[in-house]
């Protein structure tokens, strides 16, 4: 696993519905704009969410 959760999110972003990707992008952008860092636990939680959504899309289809 990468030390950069944003890079990991980018790698699997093509597996996500656009609505989910837009939501995650906004959440992370707001976090970073508020002074958060790219490797804070909050961003890692977003990566876990992305993986979960990608898995559900794989199982259930888009």
Protein backbone atom coordinates (compact mmCIF):
# COMPACT_ATOMS: atom_id res chain seq x y z
CA UNK A 1 0.00 0.00 0.00
CA UNK A 2 1.11 3.50 -0.79
CA UNK A 3 1.97 6.08 1.85
CA UNK A 4 -0.33 8.45 -0.01
CA UNK A 5 -4.05 7.64 0.28
CA UNK A 6 -4.92 10.19 -2.40
CA UNK A 7 -2.73 8.31 -4.89
CA UNK A 8 -4.51 5.08 -3.94
CA UNK A 9 -7.90 6.74 -4.42
CA UNK A 10 -6.80 7.99 -7.84
CA UNK A 11 -5.78 4.47 -8.89
CA UNK A 12 -9.28 3.09 -8.32
CA UNK A 13 -11.31 6.20 -9.13
CA UNK A 14 -12.39 4.75 -12.50
CA UNK A 15 -14.32 2.06 -10.59
CA UNK A 16 -16.54 4.58 -8.79
CA UNK A 17 -19.81 6.19 -9.78
CA UNK A 18 -19.22 9.85 -10.62
CA UNK A 19 -21.46 11.01 -7.76
CA UNK A 20 -19.35 9.12 -5.21
CA UNK A 21 -16.12 10.42 -6.73
CA UNK A 22 -17.37 14.02 -6.64
CA UNK A 23 -18.39 13.63 -2.99
CA UNK A 24 -15.03 12.19 -1.97
CA UNK A 25 -13.19 14.88 -3.92
CA UNK A 26 -15.13 17.61 -2.12
CA UNK A 27 -14.57 16.03 1.28
CA UNK A 28 -10.80 15.73 0.76
CA UNK A 29 -10.51 19.19 -0.82
CA UNK A 30 -12.36 20.72 2.16
CA UNK A 31 -10.12 18.79 4.55
CA UNK A 32 -6.95 20.01 2.86
CA UNK A 33 -8.26 23.59 2.59
CA UNK A 34 -8.92 23.51 6.33
CA UNK A 35 -5.29 22.72 7.05
CA UNK A 36 -5.42 18.92 7.00
CA UNK A 37 -2.64 16.88 5.51
CA UNK A 38 -2.91 14.36 2.68
CA UNK A 39 -1.94 11.48 4.97
CA UNK A 40 -4.14 12.32 7.98
CA UNK A 41 -6.37 9.55 9.36
CA UNK A 42 -9.41 11.30 7.85
CA UNK A 43 -8.05 10.82 4.33
CA UNK A 44 -7.22 7.18 5.07
CA UNK A 45 -10.86 6.72 6.13
CA UNK A 46 -11.92 8.16 2.78
CA UNK A 47 -9.73 5.57 1.06
CA UNK A 48 -11.43 2.79 3.03
CA UNK A 49 -14.79 4.20 1.93
CA UNK A 50 -13.65 4.33 -1.71
CA UNK A 51 -12.57 0.69 -1.56
CA UNK A 52 -15.92 -0.26 -0.04
CA UNK A 53 -17.87 1.57 -2.76
CA UNK A 54 -15.69 0.05 -5.49
CA UNK A 55 -16.33 -3.43 -4.10
CA UNK A 56 -20.10 -2.84 -3.97
CA UNK A 57 -20.06 -1.56 -7.55
CA UNK A 58 -18.16 -4.67 -8.62
CA UNK A 59 -20.71 -6.95 -6.94
CA UNK A 60 -23.88 -5.03 -7.80
CA UNK A 61 -22.93 -3.20 -10.97
CA UNK A 62 -23.08 0.54 -11.50
